Amino acid sequence: MIKVRVLKIFERLRAWPAVSGTKALRGRLAGQYRMRTGDYRVQFRIQEDRVLVLKIGNRDRFYDD
């Protein structure tokens, strides 16, 4: 179930910056990161000492906005 997998990503992000599997985004998304779980992506950015989740979705058209 995707909900469980995404919740596991949230748990992992609590250990930021000691988190593996993240990818820094480039271009118009510079300053943001993503983690993936199967066909789903979690897009986030770091603001001071917080991880702000911006978007969760299927990889199809995930970056189309």
N, C-alpha and C. Protein backbone atom coordinates (compact mmCIF):
# COMPACT_ATOMS: atom_id res chain seq x y z
N MET A 1 0.85 -1.18 0.00
CA MET A 1 0.00 0.00 0.00
C MET A 1 0.89 1.23 0.00
N ILE A 2 0.58 2.18 -0.88
CA ILE A 2 1.44 3.35 -1.05
C ILE A 2 1.47 4.24 0.19
N LYS A 3 0.38 4.32 0.92
CA LYS A 3 0.35 5.16 2.13
C LYS A 3 1.41 4.72 3.12
N VAL A 4 1.55 3.45 3.33
CA VAL A 4 2.55 2.91 4.26
C VAL A 4 3.96 3.24 3.77
N ARG A 5 4.18 3.11 2.49
CA ARG A 5 5.51 3.39 1.92
C ARG A 5 5.87 4.86 2.05
N VAL A 6 4.92 5.75 1.83
CA VAL A 6 5.17 7.18 1.96
C VAL A 6 5.41 7.54 3.43
N LEU A 7 4.66 6.95 4.33
CA LEU A 7 4.88 7.21 5.75
C LEU A 7 6.28 6.77 6.18
N LYS A 8 6.80 5.71 5.60
CA LYS A 8 8.17 5.28 5.88
C LYS A 8 9.18 6.32 5.41
N ILE A 9 8.90 6.94 4.27
CA ILE A 9 9.78 8.02 3.79
C ILE A 9 9.77 9.17 4.79
N PHE A 10 8.59 9.54 5.29
CA PHE A 10 8.51 10.61 6.28
C PHE A 10 9.35 10.28 7.51
N GLU A 11 9.29 9.04 7.95
CA GLU A 11 10.10 8.63 9.10
C GLU A 11 11.58 8.77 8.80
N ARG A 12 11.98 8.37 7.61
CA ARG A 12 13.40 8.50 7.23
C ARG A 12 13.83 9.96 7.18
N LEU A 13 12.95 10.84 6.72
CA LEU A 13 13.29 12.26 6.59
C LEU A 13 13.49 12.94 7.94
N ARG A 14 13.01 12.34 9.00
CA ARG A 14 13.24 12.90 10.34
C ARG A 14 14.73 12.96 10.67
N ALA A 15 15.53 12.12 10.02
CA ALA A 15 16.96 12.07 10.28
C ALA A 15 17.75 13.01 9.36
N TRP A 16 17.08 13.92 8.67
CA TRP A 16 17.76 14.82 7.74
C TRP A 16 18.89 15.52 8.46
N PRO A 17 20.07 15.64 7.93
CA PRO A 17 20.51 15.37 6.58
C PRO A 17 21.12 13.99 6.38
N ALA A 18 21.09 13.16 7.42
CA ALA A 18 21.69 11.82 7.30
C ALA A 18 20.69 10.85 6.68
N VAL A 19 20.22 11.18 5.49
CA VAL A 19 19.22 10.36 4.80
C VAL A 19 19.79 9.95 3.45
N SER A 20 19.76 8.66 3.16
CA SER A 20 20.22 8.21 1.85
C SER A 20 19.02 8.08 0.91
N GLY A 21 19.30 8.10 -0.37
CA GLY A 21 18.25 7.91 -1.35
C GLY A 21 17.56 9.18 -1.81
N THR A 22 18.08 10.33 -1.39
CA THR A 22 17.49 11.59 -1.86
C THR A 22 18.22 12.05 -3.11
N LYS A 23 17.54 12.85 -3.90
CA LYS A 23 18.16 13.41 -5.09
C LYS A 23 17.85 14.90 -5.12
N ALA A 24 18.90 15.71 -5.25
CA ALA A 24 18.70 17.15 -5.40
C ALA A 24 18.17 17.42 -6.81
N LEU A 25 17.14 18.24 -6.88
CA LEU A 25 16.56 18.57 -8.18
C LEU A 25 17.27 19.77 -8.78
N ARG A 26 17.14 19.93 -10.08
CA ARG A 26 17.84 20.99 -10.79
C ARG A 26 16.87 21.86 -11.56
N GLY A 27 17.42 22.86 -12.23
CA GLY A 27 16.60 23.73 -13.06
C GLY A 27 15.64 24.55 -12.23
N ARG A 28 14.39 24.63 -12.67
CA ARG A 28 13.39 25.44 -11.96
C ARG A 28 13.05 24.86 -10.59
N LEU A 29 13.46 23.63 -10.33
CA LEU A 29 13.21 22.98 -9.05
C LEU A 29 14.45 22.97 -8.14
N ALA A 30 15.45 23.74 -8.51
CA ALA A 30 16.68 23.80 -7.71
C ALA A 30 16.34 24.21 -6.28
N GLY A 31 17.02 23.59 -5.33
CA GLY A 31 16.75 23.85 -3.92
C GLY A 31 15.75 22.87 -3.33
N GLN A 32 15.23 22.00 -4.16
CA GLN A 32 14.29 20.98 -3.71
C GLN A 32 14.91 19.60 -3.91
N TYR A 33 14.32 18.63 -3.25
CA TYR A 33 14.81 17.26 -3.30
C TYR A 33 13.65 16.32 -3.57
N ARG A 34 14.00 15.08 -3.91
CA ARG A 34 12.97 14.07 -4.05
C ARG A 34 13.47 12.74 -3.54
N MET A 35 12.52 11.97 -3.05
CA MET A 35 12.77 10.57 -2.70
C MET A 35 11.73 9.77 -3.44
N ARG A 36 12.07 8.54 -3.76
CA ARG A 36 11.12 7.71 -4.48
C ARG A 36 10.86 6.42 -3.73
N THR A 37 9.68 5.92 -3.98
CA THR A 37 9.28 4.62 -3.47
C THR A 37 8.43 3.98 -4.55
N GLY A 38 9.01 3.03 -5.23
CA GLY A 38 8.31 2.42 -6.36
C GLY A 38 8.03 3.45 -7.43
N ASP A 39 6.78 3.56 -7.85
CA ASP A 39 6.40 4.53 -8.88
C ASP A 39 5.99 5.88 -8.30
N TYR A 40 6.15 6.07 -7.00
CA TYR A 40 5.74 7.31 -6.36
C TYR A 40 6.94 8.14 -5.94
N ARG A 41 6.71 9.45 -5.90
CA ARG A 41 7.76 10.40 -5.54
C ARG A 41 7.26 11.30 -4.42
N VAL A 42 8.19 11.71 -3.55
CA VAL A 42 7.93 12.71 -2.52
C VAL A 42 8.90 13.84 -2.79
N GLN A 43 8.37 15.01 -3.06
CA GLN A 43 9.19 16.19 -3.34
C GLN A 43 9.18 17.07 -2.08
N PHE A 44 10.36 17.57 -1.69
CA PHE A 44 10.45 18.36 -0.46
C PHE A 44 11.57 19.37 -0.57
N ARG A 45 11.58 20.29 0.38
CA ARG A 45 12.68 21.23 0.50
C ARG A 45 12.99 21.41 1.97
N ILE A 46 14.14 21.97 2.25
CA ILE A 46 14.56 22.19 3.63
C ILE A 46 14.43 23.68 3.92
N GLN A 47 13.75 23.99 5.02
CA GLN A 47 13.62 25.38 5.44
C GLN A 47 14.04 25.46 6.89
N GLU A 48 15.16 26.10 7.12
CA GLU A 48 15.78 26.17 8.43
C GLU A 48 16.01 24.74 8.94
N ASP A 49 15.33 24.31 9.97
CA ASP A 49 15.55 22.95 10.49
C ASP A 49 14.36 22.04 10.21
N ARG A 50 13.54 22.40 9.21
CA ARG A 50 12.35 21.62 8.88
C ARG A 50 12.42 21.04 7.48
N VAL A 51 11.82 19.88 7.33
CA VAL A 51 11.63 19.28 6.01
C VAL A 51 10.19 19.58 5.61
N LEU A 52 10.01 20.33 4.53
CA LEU A 52 8.67 20.68 4.05
C LEU A 52 8.32 19.84 2.84
N VAL A 53 7.34 18.98 2.98
CA VAL A 53 6.90 18.15 1.86
C VAL A 53 6.01 19.01 0.97
N LEU A 54 6.38 19.09 -0.31
CA LEU A 54 5.67 19.94 -1.26
C LEU A 54 4.69 19.16 -2.12
N LYS A 55 5.03 17.90 -2.41
CA LYS A 55 4.22 17.15 -3.36
C LYS A 55 4.46 15.66 -3.18
N ILE A 56 3.40 14.89 -3.33
CA ILE A 56 3.47 13.43 -3.33
C ILE A 56 2.66 12.97 -4.53
N GLY A 57 3.22 12.09 -5.35
CA GLY A 57 2.45 11.62 -6.49
C GLY A 57 3.14 10.54 -7.29
N ASN A 58 2.41 10.02 -8.26
CA ASN A 58 2.92 9.02 -9.18
C ASN A 58 3.96 9.67 -10.08
N ARG A 59 4.93 8.90 -10.49
CA ARG A 59 6.02 9.47 -11.30
C ARG A 59 5.55 9.98 -12.66
N ASP A 60 4.44 9.45 -13.18
CA ASP A 60 3.89 9.95 -14.44
C ASP A 60 3.48 11.40 -14.25
N ARG A 61 4.08 12.28 -14.97
CA ARG A 61 3.78 13.71 -14.95
C ARG A 61 4.02 14.36 -13.59
N PHE A 62 4.86 13.77 -12.76
CA PHE A 62 5.11 14.31 -11.42
C PHE A 62 5.74 15.70 -11.50
N TYR A 63 6.59 15.92 -12.48
CA TYR A 63 7.29 17.20 -12.58
C TYR A 63 6.60 18.17 -13.52
N ASP A 64 5.43 17.83 -14.05
CA ASP A 64 4.67 18.71 -14.95
C ASP A 64 3.84 19.68 -14.10
N ASP A 65 4.24 20.89 -13.98
CA ASP A 65 3.44 21.92 -13.29
C ASP A 65 3.82 23.27 -13.80
